[in-house]
C-alpha atoms as a PDB file:
ATOM      1  CA  UNK A   1      -0.091  -0.064  -0.177  1.00  0.00           C
ATOM      2  CA  UNK A   2       1.203   3.607  -0.842  1.00  0.00           C
ATOM      3  CA  UNK A   3      -0.916   5.236   0.666  1.00  0.00           C
ATOM      4  CA  UNK A   4       0.013   4.909   4.155  1.00  0.00           C
ATOM      5  CA  UNK A   5       3.849   6.406   3.331  1.00  0.00           C
ATOM      6  CA  UNK A   6       2.296   9.023   1.739  1.00  0.00           C
ATOM      7  CA  UNK A   7      -0.037   9.880   4.475  1.00  0.00           C
ATOM      8  CA  UNK A   8       3.102   9.753   6.982  1.00  0.00           C
ATOM      9  CA  UNK A   9       5.573  12.057   4.690  1.00  0.00           C
ATOM     10  CA  UNK A  10       2.478  14.429   4.319  1.00  0.00           C
ATOM     11  CA  UNK A  11       2.048  14.270   8.323  1.00  0.00           C
ATOM     12  CA  UNK A  12       5.642  15.108   9.069  1.00  0.00           C
ATOM     13  CA  UNK A  13       6.025  18.283   6.737  1.00  0.00           C
ATOM     14  CA  UNK A  14       3.026  19.904   8.581  1.00  0.00           C
ATOM     15  CA  UNK A  15       4.453  19.028  11.470  1.00  0.00           C
ATOM     16  CA  UNK A  16       7.301  20.824  10.397  1.00  0.00           C
ATOM     17  CA  UNK A  17       5.419  23.602   8.810  1.00  0.00           C
ATOM     18  CA  UNK A  18       3.932  24.568  12.101  1.00  0.00           C
ATOM     19  CA  UNK A  19       6.787  24.509  13.923  1.00  0.00           C
ATOM     20  CA  UNK A  20       8.518  27.105  11.869  1.00  0.00           C
ATOM     21  CA  UNK A  21       5.723  28.882  11.621  1.00  0.00           C
ATOM     22  CA  UNK A  22       5.354  28.586  15.678  1.00  0.00           C
ATOM     23  CA  UNK A  23       8.505  30.390  16.131  1.00  0.00           C
ATOM     24  CA  UNK A  24       7.713  33.172  14.041  1.00  0.00           C
ATOM     25  CA  UNK A  25       4.577  33.288  15.570  1.00  0.00           C
ATOM     26  CA  UNK A  26       6.630  33.472  19.054  1.00  0.00           C
ATOM     27  CA  UNK A  27       8.841  36.450  17.629  1.00  0.00           C
ATOM     28  CA  UNK A  28       5.718  38.048  16.766  1.00  0.00           C
ATOM     29  CA  UNK A  29       3.725  37.390  20.101  1.00  0.00           C
ATOM     30  CA  UNK A  30       6.437  37.745  22.517  1.00  0.00           C
ATOM     31  CA  UNK A  31       8.673  40.675  21.239  1.00  0.00           C
ATOM     32  CA  UNK A  32       6.115  42.871  20.702  1.00  0.00           C
ATOM     33  CA  UNK A  33       5.356  42.938  24.225  1.00  0.00           C
ATOM     34  CA  UNK A  34       8.354  46.084  24.887  1.00  0.00           C
ATOM     35  CA  UNK A  35       9.385  46.535  21.322  1.00  0.00           C
ATOM     36  CA  UNK A  36       8.255  46.623  17.706  1.00  0.00           C
ATOM     37  CA  UNK A  37       9.622  44.681  15.211  1.00  0.00           C
ATOM     38  CA  UNK A  38      10.914  47.009  13.058  1.00  0.00           C
ATOM     39  CA  UNK A  39      14.479  46.302  15.127  1.00  0.00           C
ATOM     40  CA  UNK A  40      14.666  42.856  13.556  1.00  0.00           C
ATOM     41  CA  UNK A  41      15.161  44.556   9.622  1.00  0.00           C
ATOM     42  CA  UNK A  42      18.830  45.055   8.902  1.00  0.00           C
ATOM     43  CA  UNK A  43      19.892  42.774  11.650  1.00  0.00           C
ATOM     44  CA  UNK A  44      22.407  39.624  10.813  1.00  0.00           C
ATOM     45  CA  UNK A  45      23.231  38.342  14.452  1.00  0.00           C
ATOM     46  CA  UNK A  46      24.998  35.238  15.079  1.00  0.00           C
ATOM     47  CA  UNK A  47      23.586  32.759  16.592  1.00  0.00           C
ATOM     48  CA  UNK A  48      25.127  32.910  19.781  1.00  0.00           C
ATOM     49  CA  UNK A  49      24.587  36.470  19.647  1.00  0.00           C
ATOM     50  CA  UNK A  50      21.197  36.070  19.332  1.00  0.00           C
ATOM     51  CA  UNK A  51      20.986  33.587  22.220  1.00  0.00           C
ATOM     52  CA  UNK A  52      22.449  36.783  24.056  1.00  0.00           C
ATOM     53  CA  UNK A  53      19.653  38.939  23.108  1.00  0.00           C
ATOM     54  CA  UNK A  54      16.923  36.663  23.962  1.00  0.00           C
ATOM     55  CA  UNK A  55      18.193  35.446  26.782  1.00  0.00           C
ATOM     56  CA  UNK A  56      18.816  39.011  28.140  1.00  0.00           C
ATOM     57  CA  UNK A  57      15.033  39.715  27.058  1.00  0.00           C
ATOM     58  CA  UNK A  58      13.689  36.534  29.077  1.00  0.00           C
ATOM     59  CA  UNK A  59      15.656  37.570  32.107  1.00  0.00           C
ATOM     60  CA  UNK A  60      13.786  40.995  31.918  1.00  0.00           C
ATOM     61  CA  UNK A  61      10.487  39.153  32.004  1.00  0.00           C
ATOM     62  CA  UNK A  62       9.548  37.790  28.422  1.00  0.00           C
ATOM     63  CA  UNK A  63       7.246  34.907  29.220  1.00  0.00           C
ATOM     64  CA  UNK A  64       8.793  32.100  27.508  1.00  0.00           C
ATOM     65  CA  UNK A  65       9.052  28.048  27.895  1.00  0.00           C
ATOM     66  CA  UNK A  66      12.853  26.428  26.919  1.00  0.00           C
ATOM     67  CA  UNK A  67      11.201  24.948  24.174  1.00  0.00           C
ATOM     68  CA  UNK A  68       9.577  28.410  23.006  1.00  0.00           C
ATOM     69  CA  UNK A  69      13.053  29.810  23.593  1.00  0.00           C
ATOM     70  CA  UNK A  70      14.750  27.151  21.144  1.00  0.00           C
ATOM     71  CA  UNK A  71      12.036  27.720  18.757  1.00  0.00           C
ATOM     72  CA  UNK A  72      12.782  31.711  18.800  1.00  0.00           C
ATOM     73  CA  UNK A  73      16.186  31.593  18.588  1.00  0.00           C
ATOM     74  CA  UNK A  74      15.663  29.231  15.335  1.00  0.00           C
ATOM     75  CA  UNK A  75      13.617  31.480  13.497  1.00  0.00           C
ATOM     76  CA  UNK A  76      15.800  34.113  14.354  1.00  0.00           C
ATOM     77  CA  UNK A  77      19.148  32.722  13.386  1.00  0.00           C
ATOM     78  CA  UNK A  78      17.358  31.459   9.982  1.00  0.00           C
ATOM     79  CA  UNK A  79      15.906  34.603   9.045  1.00  0.00           C
ATOM     80  CA  UNK A  80      17.619  37.637  10.601  1.00  0.00           C
ATOM     81  CA  UNK A  81      21.145  35.368  11.229  1.00  0.00           C
ATOM     82  CA  UNK A  82      25.003  35.694   9.852  1.00  0.00           C
ATOM     83  CA  UNK A  83      24.712  35.708   6.022  1.00  0.00           C
ATOM     84  CA  UNK A  84      28.632  34.591   4.632  1.00  0.00           C
END
């Protein structure tokens, strides 16, 4: 039966897409508590730079879990990371 592998692949792709979208949603929801997203434009930070910056925001009270932090970090690095 070919249908089962197709369904499994489709489900995995859906989960991956939701995870990517969730990182963006978190950035849009959490980061805008204190500032607008215009601050992201033109940024090209390394993973460690983004990690430090976001950890600073969390220490100031940004309400995120460890899993959400990972999704935010992945999103920022992918979309606003260094381009070499």
